[in-house]
Amino acid sequence: MGALLWLTIPVLAAIAATLYAGWAARNNRKNVGDVEELAGYTRFREAMERARTDTDAAA
């Protein structure tokens, strides 16, 4: 009987871990979409290009 009790502890821990992993992995934020993400990356890349040309012109 004692062995069965000790077996329930890891089983309950595994169930709790599974439930927590499912809860933590759910998607909380709204999907932004690839179009907005790519537009943001394009703006970033253009800003980096401007910064590099400004630095090159100053040198």
N, C-alpha and C. Protein backbone atom coordinates (compact mmCIF):
# COMPACT_ATOMS: atom_id res chain seq x y z
N MET A 1 0.82 -1.20 0.00
CA MET A 1 0.00 0.00 0.00
C MET A 1 0.86 1.26 0.00
N GLY A 2 1.98 1.21 0.75
CA GLY A 2 2.87 2.36 0.80
C GLY A 2 3.50 2.67 -0.56
N ALA A 3 3.82 1.58 -1.33
CA ALA A 3 4.40 1.78 -2.66
C ALA A 3 3.40 2.45 -3.59
N LEU A 4 2.15 2.08 -3.45
CA LEU A 4 1.11 2.69 -4.28
C LEU A 4 0.97 4.18 -3.97
N LEU A 5 1.07 4.53 -2.71
CA LEU A 5 0.99 5.93 -2.33
C LEU A 5 2.17 6.71 -2.91
N TRP A 6 3.37 6.13 -2.84
CA TRP A 6 4.53 6.80 -3.40
C TRP A 6 4.46 6.89 -4.92
N LEU A 7 3.76 5.98 -5.56
CA LEU A 7 3.59 6.02 -7.01
C LEU A 7 2.63 7.13 -7.43
N THR A 8 1.67 7.44 -6.60
CA THR A 8 0.70 8.47 -6.97
C THR A 8 1.33 9.86 -7.00
N ILE A 9 2.37 10.09 -6.23
CA ILE A 9 3.00 11.42 -6.21
C ILE A 9 3.58 11.78 -7.58
N PRO A 10 4.42 10.93 -8.21
CA PRO A 10 4.92 11.31 -9.54
C PRO A 10 3.82 11.33 -10.61
N VAL A 11 2.82 10.48 -10.45
CA VAL A 11 1.72 10.48 -11.42
C VAL A 11 0.96 11.81 -11.34
N LEU A 12 0.64 12.25 -10.14
CA LEU A 12 -0.04 13.54 -9.98
C LEU A 12 0.84 14.69 -10.44
N ALA A 13 2.14 14.60 -10.19
CA ALA A 13 3.06 15.64 -10.66
C ALA A 13 3.10 15.68 -12.18
N ALA A 14 3.08 14.53 -12.83
CA ALA A 14 3.08 14.49 -14.29
C ALA A 14 1.79 15.08 -14.86
N ILE A 15 0.67 14.79 -14.22
CA ILE A 15 -0.60 15.35 -14.67
C ILE A 15 -0.59 16.87 -14.49
N ALA A 16 -0.09 17.32 -13.34
CA ALA A 16 -0.02 18.77 -13.10
C ALA A 16 0.91 19.44 -14.10
N ALA A 17 2.03 18.81 -14.42
CA ALA A 17 2.97 19.38 -15.38
C ALA A 17 2.35 19.45 -16.78
N THR A 18 1.60 18.43 -17.14
CA THR A 18 0.93 18.42 -18.44
C THR A 18 -0.10 19.54 -18.53
N LEU A 19 -0.88 19.70 -17.47
CA LEU A 19 -1.88 20.78 -17.47
C LEU A 19 -1.22 22.15 -17.52
N TYR A 20 -0.14 22.33 -16.77
CA TYR A 20 0.56 23.62 -16.78
C TYR A 20 1.18 23.90 -18.16
N ALA A 21 1.76 22.88 -18.78
CA ALA A 21 2.37 23.07 -20.10
C ALA A 21 1.31 23.46 -21.12
N GLY A 22 0.16 22.85 -21.05
CA GLY A 22 -0.92 23.23 -21.96
C GLY A 22 -1.41 24.64 -21.72
N TRP A 23 -1.48 25.03 -20.45
CA TRP A 23 -1.92 26.39 -20.12
C TRP A 23 -0.88 27.41 -20.53
N ALA A 24 0.40 27.12 -20.33
CA ALA A 24 1.47 28.06 -20.66
C ALA A 24 1.67 28.19 -22.16
N ALA A 25 1.34 27.17 -22.92
CA ALA A 25 1.59 27.19 -24.36
C ALA A 25 0.45 27.81 -25.15
N ARG A 26 -0.64 28.13 -24.49
CA ARG A 26 -1.76 28.68 -25.25
C ARG A 26 -1.39 30.05 -25.78
N ASN A 27 -2.05 30.45 -26.82
CA ASN A 27 -1.74 31.70 -27.50
C ASN A 27 -2.51 32.83 -26.82
N ASN A 28 -1.82 33.67 -26.08
CA ASN A 28 -2.48 34.75 -25.34
C ASN A 28 -2.69 36.00 -26.18
N ARG A 29 -1.79 36.28 -27.07
CA ARG A 29 -1.91 37.53 -27.82
C ARG A 29 -2.60 37.28 -29.15
N LYS A 30 -3.15 38.33 -29.67
CA LYS A 30 -3.82 38.22 -30.95
C LYS A 30 -2.79 37.99 -32.04
N ASN A 31 -3.20 37.27 -33.05
CA ASN A 31 -2.29 37.03 -34.17
C ASN A 31 -2.07 38.34 -34.91
N VAL A 32 -0.83 38.73 -35.01
CA VAL A 32 -0.50 39.99 -35.67
C VAL A 32 -0.54 39.79 -37.17
N GLY A 33 -0.10 38.68 -37.61
CA GLY A 33 -0.11 38.39 -39.03
C GLY A 33 1.25 38.66 -39.65
N ASP A 34 1.52 37.94 -40.70
CA ASP A 34 2.81 38.06 -41.36
C ASP A 34 2.99 39.40 -42.05
N VAL A 35 1.92 39.97 -42.57
CA VAL A 35 2.04 41.22 -43.31
C VAL A 35 2.54 42.33 -42.41
N GLU A 36 1.97 42.46 -41.21
CA GLU A 36 2.41 43.50 -40.29
C GLU A 36 3.83 43.24 -39.78
N GLU A 37 4.16 42.00 -39.55
CA GLU A 37 5.51 41.65 -39.10
C GLU A 37 6.53 41.99 -40.17
N LEU A 38 6.23 41.66 -41.41
CA LEU A 38 7.16 41.95 -42.50
C LEU A 38 7.28 43.45 -42.74
N ALA A 39 6.19 44.19 -42.57
CA ALA A 39 6.25 45.64 -42.72
C ALA A 39 7.13 46.25 -41.65
N GLY A 40 7.03 45.75 -40.43
CA GLY A 40 7.89 46.24 -39.35
C GLY A 40 9.35 45.92 -39.63
N TYR A 41 9.63 44.75 -40.15
CA TYR A 41 11.00 44.39 -40.48
C TYR A 41 11.53 45.28 -41.61
N THR A 42 10.69 45.58 -42.58
CA THR A 42 11.11 46.46 -43.68
C THR A 42 11.44 47.85 -43.16
N ARG A 43 10.60 48.38 -42.26
CA ARG A 43 10.90 49.69 -41.67
C ARG A 43 12.21 49.66 -40.90
N PHE A 44 12.45 48.61 -40.16
CA PHE A 44 13.70 48.46 -39.41
C PHE A 44 14.89 48.42 -40.36
N ARG A 45 14.78 47.62 -41.42
CA ARG A 45 15.89 47.50 -42.36
C ARG A 45 16.18 48.83 -43.05
N GLU A 46 15.13 49.57 -43.42
CA GLU A 46 15.34 50.88 -44.05
C GLU A 46 15.99 51.86 -43.08
N ALA A 47 15.60 51.81 -41.82
CA ALA A 47 16.21 52.69 -40.83
C ALA A 47 17.69 52.35 -40.66
N MET A 48 18.02 51.07 -40.70
CA MET A 48 19.43 50.68 -40.56
C MET A 48 20.23 51.12 -41.78
N GLU A 49 19.62 51.05 -42.95
CA GLU A 49 20.31 51.52 -44.17
C GLU A 49 20.55 53.02 -44.09
N ARG A 50 19.56 53.78 -43.62
CA ARG A 50 19.74 55.24 -43.49
C ARG A 50 20.83 55.55 -42.49
N ALA A 51 20.87 54.82 -41.39
CA ALA A 51 21.89 55.07 -40.37
C ALA A 51 23.28 54.77 -40.94
N ARG A 52 23.40 53.74 -41.74
CA ARG A 52 24.69 53.41 -42.30
C ARG A 52 25.13 54.45 -43.34
N THR A 53 24.20 54.94 -44.17
CA THR A 53 24.58 55.94 -45.16
C THR A 53 24.89 57.28 -44.49
N ASP A 54 24.21 57.59 -43.39
CA ASP A 54 24.52 58.82 -42.65
C ASP A 54 25.91 58.74 -42.04
N THR A 55 26.28 57.60 -41.54
CA THR A 55 27.60 57.42 -40.94
C THR A 55 28.68 57.46 -42.01
N ASP A 56 28.40 56.85 -43.17
CA ASP A 56 29.37 56.87 -44.26
C ASP A 56 29.57 58.28 -44.81
N ALA A 57 28.50 59.06 -44.88
CA ALA A 57 28.59 60.42 -45.39
C ALA A 57 29.37 61.33 -44.43
N ALA A 58 29.24 61.07 -43.12
CA ALA A 58 29.92 61.89 -42.14
C ALA A 58 31.42 61.61 -42.11
N ALA A 59 31.79 60.41 -42.52
CA ALA A 59 33.22 60.03 -42.47
C ALA A 59 34.01 60.54 -43.63
